[in-house]
N, C-alpha and C. Protein backbone atom coordinates (compact mmCIF):
# COMPACT_ATOMS: atom_id res chain seq x y z
N MET A 1 2.40 36.96 18.54
CA MET A 1 1.16 36.56 17.87
C MET A 1 0.83 37.55 16.76
N SER A 2 0.55 37.03 15.56
CA SER A 2 0.16 37.89 14.44
C SER A 2 -1.24 38.45 14.67
N LYS A 3 -1.49 39.64 14.10
CA LYS A 3 -2.78 40.28 14.22
C LYS A 3 -3.36 40.54 12.83
N VAL A 4 -4.65 40.24 12.68
CA VAL A 4 -5.38 40.55 11.45
C VAL A 4 -6.54 41.47 11.79
N ALA A 5 -6.63 42.60 11.10
CA ALA A 5 -7.76 43.50 11.26
C ALA A 5 -8.74 43.27 10.13
N ILE A 6 -10.02 43.16 10.47
CA ILE A 6 -11.07 43.04 9.47
C ILE A 6 -11.85 44.35 9.46
N ILE A 7 -11.89 45.01 8.29
CA ILE A 7 -12.72 46.21 8.15
C ILE A 7 -14.06 45.75 7.59
N ASN A 8 -15.09 45.83 8.42
CA ASN A 8 -16.42 45.31 8.11
C ASN A 8 -17.37 46.44 7.72
N THR A 9 -18.23 46.16 6.74
CA THR A 9 -19.31 47.09 6.40
C THR A 9 -20.69 46.48 6.64
N ASN A 10 -20.71 45.23 7.06
CA ASN A 10 -21.98 44.51 7.11
C ASN A 10 -22.04 43.65 8.38
N PRO A 11 -22.93 43.97 9.31
CA PRO A 11 -23.02 43.16 10.54
C PRO A 11 -23.47 41.72 10.27
N LEU A 12 -24.05 41.47 9.10
CA LEU A 12 -24.52 40.13 8.79
C LEU A 12 -23.37 39.14 8.60
N THR A 13 -22.17 39.64 8.32
CA THR A 13 -21.02 38.75 8.13
C THR A 13 -20.08 38.74 9.32
N TYR A 14 -20.30 39.63 10.26
CA TYR A 14 -19.35 39.82 11.36
C TYR A 14 -19.11 38.53 12.15
N GLU A 15 -20.15 37.95 12.67
CA GLU A 15 -20.01 36.75 13.50
C GLU A 15 -19.47 35.58 12.69
N MET A 16 -19.99 35.42 11.47
CA MET A 16 -19.56 34.31 10.63
C MET A 16 -18.07 34.39 10.32
N LEU A 17 -17.59 35.57 9.95
CA LEU A 17 -16.17 35.73 9.64
C LEU A 17 -15.29 35.48 10.85
N ASN A 18 -15.70 36.01 11.99
CA ASN A 18 -14.89 35.84 13.19
C ASN A 18 -14.85 34.39 13.64
N GLU A 19 -15.95 33.67 13.50
CA GLU A 19 -15.95 32.25 13.84
C GLU A 19 -15.05 31.47 12.90
N LEU A 20 -15.09 31.82 11.61
CA LEU A 20 -14.24 31.14 10.63
C LEU A 20 -12.76 31.35 10.97
N PHE A 21 -12.39 32.57 11.29
CA PHE A 21 -11.00 32.85 11.64
C PHE A 21 -10.59 32.15 12.92
N LYS A 22 -11.47 32.11 13.90
CA LYS A 22 -11.14 31.42 15.15
C LYS A 22 -10.90 29.93 14.91
N THR A 23 -11.67 29.35 14.02
CA THR A 23 -11.54 27.93 13.71
C THR A 23 -10.28 27.64 12.90
N GLU A 24 -10.07 28.45 11.85
CA GLU A 24 -8.98 28.18 10.90
C GLU A 24 -7.65 28.79 11.31
N LEU A 25 -7.70 29.89 12.08
CA LEU A 25 -6.47 30.58 12.47
C LEU A 25 -6.49 30.88 13.97
N PRO A 26 -6.57 29.86 14.81
CA PRO A 26 -6.69 30.10 16.26
C PRO A 26 -5.48 30.79 16.86
N GLU A 27 -4.34 30.71 16.18
CA GLU A 27 -3.12 31.31 16.70
C GLU A 27 -2.94 32.77 16.29
N VAL A 28 -3.95 33.31 15.60
CA VAL A 28 -3.91 34.70 15.13
C VAL A 28 -4.93 35.53 15.91
N GLU A 29 -4.52 36.72 16.33
CA GLU A 29 -5.44 37.63 17.00
C GLU A 29 -6.23 38.41 15.95
N ILE A 30 -7.55 38.38 16.07
CA ILE A 30 -8.43 39.09 15.14
C ILE A 30 -9.05 40.28 15.85
N PHE A 31 -9.03 41.44 15.20
CA PHE A 31 -9.82 42.55 15.71
C PHE A 31 -10.57 43.21 14.57
N ASN A 32 -11.67 43.86 14.89
CA ASN A 32 -12.61 44.33 13.89
C ASN A 32 -12.82 45.83 13.96
N ILE A 33 -13.00 46.41 12.79
CA ILE A 33 -13.47 47.79 12.66
C ILE A 33 -14.77 47.71 11.86
N MET A 34 -15.85 48.24 12.42
CA MET A 34 -17.16 48.12 11.80
C MET A 34 -17.73 49.49 11.48
N ASP A 35 -18.17 49.67 10.24
CA ASP A 35 -18.93 50.86 9.84
C ASP A 35 -20.05 50.39 8.92
N ASP A 36 -21.25 50.22 9.48
CA ASP A 36 -22.34 49.68 8.68
C ASP A 36 -23.04 50.75 7.86
N SER A 37 -22.47 51.96 7.80
CA SER A 37 -22.99 52.98 6.88
C SER A 37 -22.37 52.85 5.49
N LEU A 38 -21.25 52.16 5.37
CA LEU A 38 -20.52 52.13 4.12
C LEU A 38 -21.25 51.36 3.02
N LEU A 39 -21.76 50.17 3.34
CA LEU A 39 -22.42 49.37 2.32
C LEU A 39 -23.69 50.04 1.80
N PRO A 40 -24.60 50.53 2.66
CA PRO A 40 -25.77 51.22 2.12
C PRO A 40 -25.40 52.40 1.23
N GLN A 41 -24.36 53.13 1.63
CA GLN A 41 -23.93 54.26 0.80
C GLN A 41 -23.39 53.78 -0.54
N ALA A 42 -22.56 52.74 -0.52
CA ALA A 42 -21.99 52.21 -1.76
C ALA A 42 -23.07 51.66 -2.68
N ARG A 43 -24.11 51.06 -2.11
CA ARG A 43 -25.21 50.53 -2.93
C ARG A 43 -25.94 51.65 -3.67
N LYS A 44 -25.97 52.84 -3.06
CA LYS A 44 -26.67 53.98 -3.67
C LYS A 44 -25.80 54.77 -4.64
N THR A 45 -24.53 54.97 -4.27
CA THR A 45 -23.70 55.94 -4.98
C THR A 45 -22.43 55.36 -5.60
N GLY A 46 -22.11 54.10 -5.31
CA GLY A 46 -20.80 53.60 -5.67
C GLY A 46 -19.76 54.10 -4.67
N VAL A 47 -18.50 53.85 -4.97
CA VAL A 47 -17.43 54.25 -4.05
C VAL A 47 -17.10 55.73 -4.28
N THR A 48 -17.45 56.55 -3.31
CA THR A 48 -17.26 58.00 -3.39
C THR A 48 -16.01 58.43 -2.63
N LYS A 49 -15.68 59.71 -2.74
CA LYS A 49 -14.55 60.25 -1.98
C LYS A 49 -14.79 60.11 -0.48
N ASP A 50 -16.04 60.27 -0.04
CA ASP A 50 -16.36 60.12 1.38
C ASP A 50 -16.04 58.71 1.87
N ILE A 51 -16.41 57.71 1.08
CA ILE A 51 -16.13 56.32 1.46
C ILE A 51 -14.62 56.09 1.53
N ILE A 52 -13.90 56.59 0.56
CA ILE A 52 -12.45 56.42 0.55
C ILE A 52 -11.81 57.08 1.76
N GLU A 53 -12.30 58.27 2.13
CA GLU A 53 -11.74 58.97 3.29
C GLU A 53 -12.02 58.21 4.59
N LYS A 54 -13.21 57.65 4.71
CA LYS A 54 -13.52 56.84 5.89
C LYS A 54 -12.59 55.63 5.96
N LEU A 55 -12.43 54.95 4.85
CA LEU A 55 -11.58 53.76 4.84
C LEU A 55 -10.12 54.13 5.11
N ARG A 56 -9.67 55.27 4.62
CA ARG A 56 -8.31 55.73 4.91
C ARG A 56 -8.11 55.87 6.42
N MET A 57 -9.11 56.43 7.10
CA MET A 57 -9.04 56.59 8.55
C MET A 57 -9.00 55.24 9.26
N TYR A 58 -9.84 54.29 8.79
CA TYR A 58 -9.88 52.98 9.42
C TYR A 58 -8.57 52.21 9.21
N LEU A 59 -7.97 52.40 8.02
CA LEU A 59 -6.68 51.76 7.76
C LEU A 59 -5.62 52.23 8.75
N LYS A 60 -5.58 53.52 8.96
CA LYS A 60 -4.60 54.07 9.90
C LYS A 60 -4.86 53.54 11.31
N CYS A 61 -6.13 53.45 11.69
CA CYS A 61 -6.47 52.89 13.01
C CYS A 61 -5.98 51.45 13.13
N ALA A 62 -6.21 50.66 12.07
CA ALA A 62 -5.78 49.26 12.09
C ALA A 62 -4.27 49.16 12.20
N GLU A 63 -3.56 50.01 11.48
CA GLU A 63 -2.10 49.98 11.50
C GLU A 63 -1.57 50.38 12.89
N ILE A 64 -2.15 51.43 13.47
CA ILE A 64 -1.73 51.88 14.79
C ILE A 64 -1.99 50.80 15.85
N THR A 65 -3.08 50.03 15.66
CA THR A 65 -3.43 48.98 16.61
C THR A 65 -2.51 47.77 16.49
N GLY A 66 -1.71 47.72 15.44
CA GLY A 66 -0.71 46.66 15.32
C GLY A 66 -1.05 45.56 14.35
N ALA A 67 -1.96 45.83 13.41
CA ALA A 67 -2.32 44.80 12.43
C ALA A 67 -1.13 44.42 11.56
N ASP A 68 -0.95 43.14 11.36
CA ASP A 68 0.05 42.64 10.41
C ASP A 68 -0.55 42.50 9.02
N ILE A 69 -1.86 42.29 8.96
CA ILE A 69 -2.61 42.19 7.71
C ILE A 69 -3.95 42.88 7.93
N ILE A 70 -4.43 43.62 6.93
CA ILE A 70 -5.75 44.25 6.99
C ILE A 70 -6.60 43.64 5.89
N LEU A 71 -7.78 43.15 6.28
CA LEU A 71 -8.68 42.48 5.33
C LEU A 71 -9.89 43.36 5.06
N ASN A 72 -10.12 43.66 3.79
CA ASN A 72 -11.31 44.40 3.38
C ASN A 72 -12.45 43.41 3.16
N GLN A 73 -13.46 43.46 4.02
CA GLN A 73 -14.54 42.47 4.00
C GLN A 73 -15.54 42.68 2.87
N CYS A 74 -15.66 43.91 2.37
CA CYS A 74 -16.80 44.26 1.51
C CYS A 74 -16.42 44.36 0.04
N SER A 75 -17.04 43.53 -0.80
CA SER A 75 -16.77 43.56 -2.23
C SER A 75 -17.25 44.86 -2.88
N SER A 76 -18.31 45.44 -2.35
CA SER A 76 -18.87 46.65 -2.96
C SER A 76 -17.94 47.85 -2.84
N VAL A 77 -17.02 47.84 -1.88
CA VAL A 77 -16.07 48.95 -1.74
C VAL A 77 -14.64 48.51 -2.06
N SER A 78 -14.50 47.39 -2.75
CA SER A 78 -13.17 46.80 -2.94
C SER A 78 -12.25 47.67 -3.80
N GLU A 79 -12.82 48.49 -4.68
CA GLU A 79 -11.94 49.33 -5.51
C GLU A 79 -11.14 50.31 -4.67
N ALA A 80 -11.61 50.61 -3.47
CA ALA A 80 -10.86 51.50 -2.57
C ALA A 80 -9.54 50.89 -2.15
N VAL A 81 -9.46 49.56 -2.14
CA VAL A 81 -8.21 48.90 -1.75
C VAL A 81 -7.09 49.29 -2.70
N ASP A 82 -7.39 49.34 -4.00
CA ASP A 82 -6.37 49.70 -4.99
C ASP A 82 -5.88 51.13 -4.79
N ILE A 83 -6.77 51.99 -4.32
CA ILE A 83 -6.43 53.40 -4.11
C ILE A 83 -5.59 53.58 -2.84
N LEU A 84 -5.89 52.80 -1.81
CA LEU A 84 -5.32 53.05 -0.48
C LEU A 84 -4.21 52.09 -0.05
N LYS A 85 -4.04 50.98 -0.75
CA LYS A 85 -3.17 49.92 -0.23
C LYS A 85 -1.71 50.36 -0.04
N ASN A 86 -1.26 51.36 -0.80
CA ASN A 86 0.13 51.80 -0.65
C ASN A 86 0.31 52.85 0.45
N GLU A 87 -0.79 53.19 1.14
CA GLU A 87 -0.71 54.19 2.21
C GLU A 87 -0.45 53.56 3.58
N VAL A 88 -0.42 52.23 3.63
CA VAL A 88 -0.11 51.54 4.87
C VAL A 88 1.09 50.63 4.65
N SER A 89 1.75 50.27 5.74
CA SER A 89 2.99 49.50 5.64
C SER A 89 2.77 48.00 5.74
N VAL A 90 1.50 47.58 5.83
CA VAL A 90 1.18 46.15 5.93
C VAL A 90 0.25 45.79 4.78
N PRO A 91 0.14 44.50 4.43
CA PRO A 91 -0.76 44.12 3.35
C PRO A 91 -2.22 44.48 3.64
N TYR A 92 -2.86 45.11 2.68
CA TYR A 92 -4.29 45.44 2.73
C TYR A 92 -4.92 44.69 1.58
N ILE A 93 -5.68 43.64 1.89
CA ILE A 93 -6.13 42.74 0.83
C ILE A 93 -7.65 42.70 0.71
N LYS A 94 -8.08 42.49 -0.52
CA LYS A 94 -9.50 42.30 -0.79
C LYS A 94 -9.89 40.88 -0.42
N ILE A 95 -11.00 40.73 0.24
CA ILE A 95 -11.41 39.40 0.67
C ILE A 95 -11.63 38.47 -0.53
N ASP A 96 -11.99 39.05 -1.69
CA ASP A 96 -12.31 38.21 -2.84
C ASP A 96 -11.17 38.06 -3.84
N ARG A 97 -10.04 38.68 -3.61
CA ARG A 97 -8.91 38.54 -4.54
C ARG A 97 -8.38 37.09 -4.58
N PRO A 98 -8.14 36.43 -3.44
CA PRO A 98 -7.68 35.04 -3.51
C PRO A 98 -8.69 34.13 -4.23
N MET A 99 -9.98 34.38 -4.04
CA MET A 99 -11.00 33.59 -4.73
C MET A 99 -10.90 33.79 -6.24
N ALA A 100 -10.68 35.05 -6.66
CA ALA A 100 -10.55 35.34 -8.09
C ALA A 100 -9.33 34.63 -8.68
N GLU A 101 -8.22 34.63 -7.94
CA GLU A 101 -7.01 33.97 -8.41
C GLU A 101 -7.24 32.47 -8.61
N LYS A 102 -7.93 31.85 -7.64
CA LYS A 102 -8.20 30.42 -7.76
C LYS A 102 -9.14 30.14 -8.92
N ALA A 103 -10.14 30.99 -9.08
CA ALA A 103 -11.14 30.77 -10.14
C ALA A 103 -10.51 30.76 -11.52
N VAL A 104 -9.64 31.74 -11.79
CA VAL A 104 -9.06 31.82 -13.14
C VAL A 104 -8.06 30.70 -13.38
N SER A 105 -7.60 30.06 -12.30
CA SER A 105 -6.72 28.90 -12.47
C SER A 105 -7.51 27.62 -12.75
N ILE A 106 -8.81 27.63 -12.45
CA ILE A 106 -9.64 26.44 -12.62
C ILE A 106 -10.16 26.30 -14.04
N GLY A 107 -10.67 27.41 -14.61
CA GLY A 107 -11.27 27.29 -15.93
C GLY A 107 -11.57 28.63 -16.57
N LYS A 108 -12.01 28.57 -17.82
CA LYS A 108 -12.22 29.78 -18.62
C LYS A 108 -13.58 30.41 -18.36
N ASN A 109 -14.61 29.58 -18.20
CA ASN A 109 -15.97 30.09 -18.07
C ASN A 109 -16.35 30.19 -16.59
N ILE A 110 -16.51 31.42 -16.14
CA ILE A 110 -16.71 31.71 -14.72
C ILE A 110 -18.06 32.37 -14.51
N THR A 111 -18.85 31.83 -13.58
CA THR A 111 -20.12 32.45 -13.22
C THR A 111 -19.97 33.10 -11.85
N LEU A 112 -20.36 34.35 -11.78
CA LEU A 112 -20.25 35.14 -10.55
C LEU A 112 -21.65 35.42 -10.03
N LEU A 113 -21.98 34.86 -8.86
CA LEU A 113 -23.28 35.07 -8.24
C LEU A 113 -23.17 36.14 -7.16
N ALA A 114 -24.16 37.03 -7.10
CA ALA A 114 -24.22 38.06 -6.06
C ALA A 114 -25.65 38.23 -5.60
N THR A 115 -25.81 38.73 -4.39
CA THR A 115 -27.15 39.07 -3.89
C THR A 115 -27.33 40.57 -3.73
N VAL A 116 -26.24 41.33 -3.91
CA VAL A 116 -26.28 42.79 -3.86
C VAL A 116 -25.82 43.31 -5.22
N GLU A 117 -26.64 44.10 -5.86
CA GLU A 117 -26.34 44.53 -7.23
C GLU A 117 -25.05 45.34 -7.33
N SER A 118 -24.77 46.15 -6.30
CA SER A 118 -23.57 46.99 -6.35
C SER A 118 -22.28 46.18 -6.31
N THR A 119 -22.38 44.90 -5.98
CA THR A 119 -21.20 44.04 -5.95
C THR A 119 -20.82 43.55 -7.34
N LEU A 120 -21.77 43.48 -8.26
CA LEU A 120 -21.52 42.83 -9.54
C LEU A 120 -20.39 43.48 -10.34
N ALA A 121 -20.44 44.79 -10.52
CA ALA A 121 -19.44 45.45 -11.35
C ALA A 121 -18.03 45.36 -10.77
N PRO A 122 -17.82 45.71 -9.48
CA PRO A 122 -16.45 45.59 -8.96
C PRO A 122 -15.94 44.16 -8.89
N SER A 123 -16.84 43.21 -8.63
CA SER A 123 -16.41 41.81 -8.56
C SER A 123 -16.04 41.29 -9.95
N ARG A 124 -16.83 41.65 -10.94
CA ARG A 124 -16.49 41.25 -12.31
C ARG A 124 -15.15 41.84 -12.73
N LYS A 125 -14.96 43.13 -12.43
CA LYS A 125 -13.70 43.78 -12.78
C LYS A 125 -12.52 43.11 -12.09
N LEU A 126 -12.72 42.73 -10.82
CA LEU A 126 -11.66 42.06 -10.09
C LEU A 126 -11.26 40.76 -10.78
N VAL A 127 -12.24 39.96 -11.16
CA VAL A 127 -11.94 38.68 -11.81
C VAL A 127 -11.25 38.91 -13.15
N GLU A 128 -11.76 39.86 -13.92
CA GLU A 128 -11.15 40.13 -15.23
C GLU A 128 -9.75 40.69 -15.09
N ASP A 129 -9.53 41.60 -14.13
CA ASP A 129 -8.20 42.15 -13.92
C ASP A 129 -7.22 41.09 -13.44
N THR A 130 -7.72 40.19 -12.58
CA THR A 130 -6.87 39.10 -12.08
C THR A 130 -6.45 38.19 -13.22
N ALA A 131 -7.39 37.86 -14.09
CA ALA A 131 -7.09 37.00 -15.24
C ALA A 131 -6.05 37.66 -16.14
N LYS A 132 -6.21 38.95 -16.37
CA LYS A 132 -5.26 39.68 -17.22
C LYS A 132 -3.87 39.65 -16.61
N GLU A 133 -3.78 39.89 -15.30
CA GLU A 133 -2.48 39.89 -14.61
C GLU A 133 -1.81 38.52 -14.70
N LEU A 134 -2.63 37.47 -14.66
CA LEU A 134 -2.09 36.10 -14.66
C LEU A 134 -2.01 35.50 -16.06
N GLY A 135 -2.33 36.29 -17.07
CA GLY A 135 -2.22 35.83 -18.45
C GLY A 135 -3.25 34.78 -18.84
N LYS A 136 -4.45 34.87 -18.24
CA LYS A 136 -5.52 33.90 -18.53
C LYS A 136 -6.61 34.53 -19.38
N SER A 137 -7.19 33.73 -20.27
CA SER A 137 -8.34 34.16 -21.06
C SER A 137 -9.60 33.58 -20.44
N ILE A 138 -10.55 34.44 -20.10
CA ILE A 138 -11.76 33.99 -19.40
C ILE A 138 -13.01 34.65 -19.95
N ASN A 139 -14.16 34.06 -19.61
CA ASN A 139 -15.47 34.67 -19.83
C ASN A 139 -16.16 34.73 -18.47
N VAL A 140 -16.73 35.88 -18.12
CA VAL A 140 -17.41 36.04 -16.83
C VAL A 140 -18.88 36.32 -17.07
N ASN A 141 -19.73 35.49 -16.45
CA ASN A 141 -21.17 35.69 -16.49
C ASN A 141 -21.62 36.10 -15.09
N THR A 142 -22.26 37.26 -14.98
CA THR A 142 -22.72 37.73 -13.67
C THR A 142 -24.21 37.48 -13.51
N VAL A 143 -24.59 37.04 -12.31
CA VAL A 143 -25.99 36.71 -12.02
C VAL A 143 -26.35 37.32 -10.66
N LEU A 144 -27.44 38.08 -10.63
CA LEU A 144 -27.95 38.63 -9.38
C LEU A 144 -29.07 37.75 -8.86
N VAL A 145 -28.90 37.26 -7.64
CA VAL A 145 -29.95 36.46 -6.99
C VAL A 145 -30.89 37.46 -6.30
N LYS A 146 -31.90 37.87 -7.03
CA LYS A 146 -32.74 38.99 -6.59
C LYS A 146 -33.51 38.67 -5.32
N GLY A 147 -33.49 39.64 -4.42
CA GLY A 147 -34.28 39.54 -3.20
C GLY A 147 -33.67 38.75 -2.08
N ALA A 148 -32.58 38.02 -2.37
CA ALA A 148 -32.02 37.13 -1.34
C ALA A 148 -31.47 37.89 -0.15
N ILE A 149 -30.73 38.97 -0.40
CA ILE A 149 -30.07 39.69 0.69
C ILE A 149 -31.08 40.25 1.68
N ASP A 150 -32.26 40.62 1.20
CA ASP A 150 -33.27 41.22 2.07
C ASP A 150 -33.92 40.21 3.02
N LEU A 151 -33.65 38.94 2.79
CA LEU A 151 -34.24 37.89 3.63
C LEU A 151 -33.43 37.62 4.89
N LEU A 152 -32.18 38.05 4.91
CA LEU A 152 -31.34 37.78 6.06
C LEU A 152 -31.81 38.58 7.27
N GLY A 153 -31.65 37.98 8.44
CA GLY A 153 -32.04 38.66 9.68
C GLY A 153 -32.89 37.79 10.58
N THR A 154 -33.54 36.78 10.00
CA THR A 154 -34.31 35.82 10.80
C THR A 154 -33.94 34.42 10.34
N PRO A 155 -34.10 33.40 11.20
CA PRO A 155 -33.77 32.02 10.80
C PRO A 155 -34.54 31.57 9.56
N GLU A 156 -35.83 31.89 9.49
CA GLU A 156 -36.62 31.47 8.34
C GLU A 156 -36.18 32.22 7.08
N GLY A 157 -35.88 33.52 7.26
CA GLY A 157 -35.41 34.30 6.12
C GLY A 157 -34.06 33.81 5.62
N GLU A 158 -33.16 33.47 6.55
CA GLU A 158 -31.86 32.96 6.15
C GLU A 158 -32.00 31.64 5.41
N LYS A 159 -32.91 30.81 5.84
CA LYS A 159 -33.13 29.52 5.17
C LYS A 159 -33.54 29.75 3.71
N ARG A 160 -34.44 30.70 3.50
CA ARG A 160 -34.89 30.98 2.13
C ARG A 160 -33.77 31.64 1.32
N HIS A 161 -33.01 32.53 1.94
CA HIS A 161 -31.84 33.13 1.30
C HIS A 161 -30.91 32.04 0.77
N ASN A 162 -30.62 31.07 1.61
CA ASN A 162 -29.73 29.98 1.22
C ASN A 162 -30.32 29.15 0.09
N GLU A 163 -31.61 28.89 0.17
CA GLU A 163 -32.28 28.09 -0.87
C GLU A 163 -32.21 28.78 -2.23
N LEU A 164 -32.40 30.09 -2.25
CA LEU A 164 -32.37 30.83 -3.52
C LEU A 164 -30.99 30.75 -4.17
N ILE A 165 -29.95 30.87 -3.35
CA ILE A 165 -28.59 30.81 -3.90
C ILE A 165 -28.27 29.40 -4.39
N ILE A 166 -28.65 28.41 -3.61
CA ILE A 166 -28.40 27.01 -4.00
C ILE A 166 -29.17 26.65 -5.27
N GLU A 167 -30.38 27.14 -5.39
CA GLU A 167 -31.16 26.92 -6.62
C GLU A 167 -30.46 27.53 -7.82
N GLU A 168 -29.90 28.72 -7.65
CA GLU A 168 -29.21 29.39 -8.75
C GLU A 168 -27.92 28.66 -9.12
N ILE A 169 -27.23 28.13 -8.13
CA ILE A 169 -26.04 27.32 -8.41
C ILE A 169 -26.41 26.15 -9.30
N GLY A 170 -27.52 25.48 -8.98
CA GLY A 170 -27.97 24.36 -9.79
C GLY A 170 -28.27 24.76 -11.22
N LYS A 171 -28.86 25.93 -11.40
CA LYS A 171 -29.20 26.42 -12.75
C LYS A 171 -27.95 26.75 -13.57
N GLN A 172 -26.94 27.26 -12.91
CA GLN A 172 -25.76 27.77 -13.62
C GLN A 172 -24.67 26.72 -13.84
N ALA A 173 -24.73 25.62 -13.12
CA ALA A 173 -23.60 24.68 -13.09
C ALA A 173 -23.30 24.04 -14.44
N ASP A 174 -24.31 23.91 -15.31
CA ASP A 174 -24.08 23.28 -16.61
C ASP A 174 -23.39 24.22 -17.60
N ASN A 175 -23.27 25.49 -17.26
CA ASN A 175 -22.82 26.48 -18.23
C ASN A 175 -21.48 27.12 -17.88
N CYS A 176 -20.75 26.54 -16.91
CA CYS A 176 -19.50 27.18 -16.49
C CYS A 176 -18.54 26.14 -15.94
N ASP A 177 -17.33 26.60 -15.67
CA ASP A 177 -16.29 25.75 -15.09
C ASP A 177 -16.18 25.92 -13.58
N VAL A 178 -16.61 27.08 -13.10
CA VAL A 178 -16.51 27.38 -11.67
C VAL A 178 -17.52 28.47 -11.33
N ILE A 179 -18.06 28.42 -10.11
CA ILE A 179 -19.01 29.42 -9.64
C ILE A 179 -18.41 30.15 -8.45
N LEU A 180 -18.48 31.47 -8.48
CA LEU A 180 -17.98 32.30 -7.39
C LEU A 180 -19.14 32.93 -6.64
N LEU A 181 -19.06 32.92 -5.32
CA LEU A 181 -20.01 33.63 -4.47
C LEU A 181 -19.40 34.99 -4.17
N ALA A 182 -19.98 36.03 -4.75
CA ALA A 182 -19.32 37.34 -4.79
C ALA A 182 -19.18 37.99 -3.42
N GLN A 183 -20.10 37.70 -2.50
CA GLN A 183 -20.08 38.39 -1.21
C GLN A 183 -19.75 37.44 -0.07
N ALA A 184 -19.10 37.99 0.94
CA ALA A 184 -18.76 37.20 2.12
C ALA A 184 -20.02 36.64 2.79
N SER A 185 -21.12 37.39 2.74
CA SER A 185 -22.36 36.94 3.39
C SER A 185 -22.90 35.65 2.79
N MET A 186 -22.48 35.32 1.57
CA MET A 186 -22.96 34.11 0.90
C MET A 186 -22.22 32.85 1.36
N HIS A 187 -21.12 33.04 2.10
CA HIS A 187 -20.33 31.90 2.58
C HIS A 187 -21.18 30.95 3.43
N ARG A 188 -22.24 31.47 4.05
CA ARG A 188 -23.06 30.67 4.96
C ARG A 188 -23.69 29.45 4.28
N ILE A 189 -23.72 29.42 2.96
CA ILE A 189 -24.33 28.26 2.28
C ILE A 189 -23.33 27.13 2.04
N MET A 190 -22.05 27.35 2.28
CA MET A 190 -21.04 26.40 1.83
C MET A 190 -21.19 25.02 2.44
N ASP A 191 -21.67 24.94 3.68
CA ASP A 191 -21.82 23.62 4.30
C ASP A 191 -23.20 23.02 4.02
N LYS A 192 -23.95 23.65 3.11
CA LYS A 192 -25.30 23.18 2.81
C LYS A 192 -25.48 22.77 1.35
N ILE A 193 -24.49 23.02 0.49
CA ILE A 193 -24.72 22.79 -0.93
C ILE A 193 -24.46 21.35 -1.36
N GLY A 194 -23.72 20.58 -0.58
CA GLY A 194 -23.45 19.20 -0.95
C GLY A 194 -22.56 19.13 -2.18
N ASN A 195 -22.66 18.04 -2.94
CA ASN A 195 -21.86 17.88 -4.15
C ASN A 195 -22.43 18.73 -5.27
N THR A 196 -21.55 19.37 -6.01
CA THR A 196 -21.96 20.19 -7.14
C THR A 196 -21.21 19.77 -8.40
N LYS A 197 -21.78 20.09 -9.56
CA LYS A 197 -21.17 19.69 -10.83
C LYS A 197 -19.85 20.41 -11.08
N VAL A 198 -19.74 21.62 -10.56
CA VAL A 198 -18.51 22.40 -10.73
C VAL A 198 -18.11 22.95 -9.36
N PRO A 199 -16.84 23.35 -9.19
CA PRO A 199 -16.43 23.92 -7.91
C PRO A 199 -17.19 25.21 -7.60
N VAL A 200 -17.52 25.40 -6.33
CA VAL A 200 -18.14 26.63 -5.85
C VAL A 200 -17.17 27.24 -4.83
N LEU A 201 -16.76 28.48 -5.07
CA LEU A 201 -15.76 29.13 -4.22
C LEU A 201 -16.39 30.27 -3.43
N SER A 202 -15.99 30.39 -2.17
CA SER A 202 -16.44 31.51 -1.34
C SER A 202 -15.24 32.36 -0.95
N SER A 203 -15.43 33.66 -0.86
CA SER A 203 -14.31 34.55 -0.59
C SER A 203 -13.71 34.36 0.81
N PRO A 204 -14.51 34.15 1.88
CA PRO A 204 -13.87 33.96 3.18
C PRO A 204 -12.94 32.76 3.24
N SER A 205 -13.36 31.63 2.67
CA SER A 205 -12.52 30.43 2.70
C SER A 205 -11.19 30.66 2.01
N GLU A 206 -11.24 31.25 0.81
CA GLU A 206 -10.01 31.47 0.06
C GLU A 206 -9.14 32.55 0.70
N ALA A 207 -9.77 33.56 1.33
CA ALA A 207 -9.01 34.60 2.01
C ALA A 207 -8.25 34.04 3.20
N VAL A 208 -8.89 33.17 3.96
CA VAL A 208 -8.22 32.55 5.10
C VAL A 208 -7.00 31.75 4.63
N THR A 209 -7.16 31.00 3.55
CA THR A 209 -6.04 30.23 3.01
C THR A 209 -4.89 31.15 2.61
N ALA A 210 -5.23 32.28 1.97
CA ALA A 210 -4.20 33.23 1.55
C ALA A 210 -3.49 33.86 2.74
N ILE A 211 -4.25 34.18 3.79
CA ILE A 211 -3.66 34.79 4.98
C ILE A 211 -2.75 33.79 5.69
N LYS A 212 -3.12 32.52 5.69
CA LYS A 212 -2.24 31.49 6.26
C LYS A 212 -0.88 31.51 5.55
N ARG A 213 -0.91 31.66 4.22
CA ARG A 213 0.34 31.71 3.47
C ARG A 213 1.13 32.96 3.81
N LEU A 214 0.45 34.09 3.94
CA LEU A 214 1.14 35.35 4.22
C LEU A 214 1.85 35.34 5.56
N ILE A 215 1.20 34.72 6.55
CA ILE A 215 1.83 34.70 7.88
C ILE A 215 2.53 33.38 8.17
N LYS A 216 2.63 32.55 7.08
CA LYS A 216 3.44 31.32 7.11
C LYS A 216 3.00 30.36 8.20
N ILE A 217 1.68 30.11 8.26
CA ILE A 217 1.15 29.12 9.20
C ILE A 217 1.03 27.78 8.46
């Protein structure tokens, strides 16, 4: 049985990601490493040497535990993947890289929605770097859905969080070819948005598809 390790920085996505993997990849064993200090630190300081050292330790733990693939759950610390990925013998992938690849294949004008400000810069860079690697010319518009992330934690708060993101999708759909949800925590709206004028992509969905290809399921 193949094993996938998820390095988590946010308890708000933990259950959702694990349920998605159980549904889409029931034949794969999932195990988690959680450090909920990483995201608050990254939001304040960006990716520091301390964050990289912590992630280096977690990577080694995942490898020792037998992971065939290691998934980085957090977009805000995704630049650490580029620094550390060659230090392990198994694929260490950004959760949003497959989404970026699909987005640049769909169209030129890309809107990137986020609810955490620290996600905007690394996510934009990821999309632009992906386009460059694939020889695509793109325009990226970044939009922060202010206040949404702070609403998570209660059913009523989550409902309003989802409404704010869906409202922003409606506003942006006339001005782009594809909309990306920058954070894994935003995946929770995918079964609530209905039909949209342009494709809306979430990083967990595209990551699961990519992992299926990697382990040849």
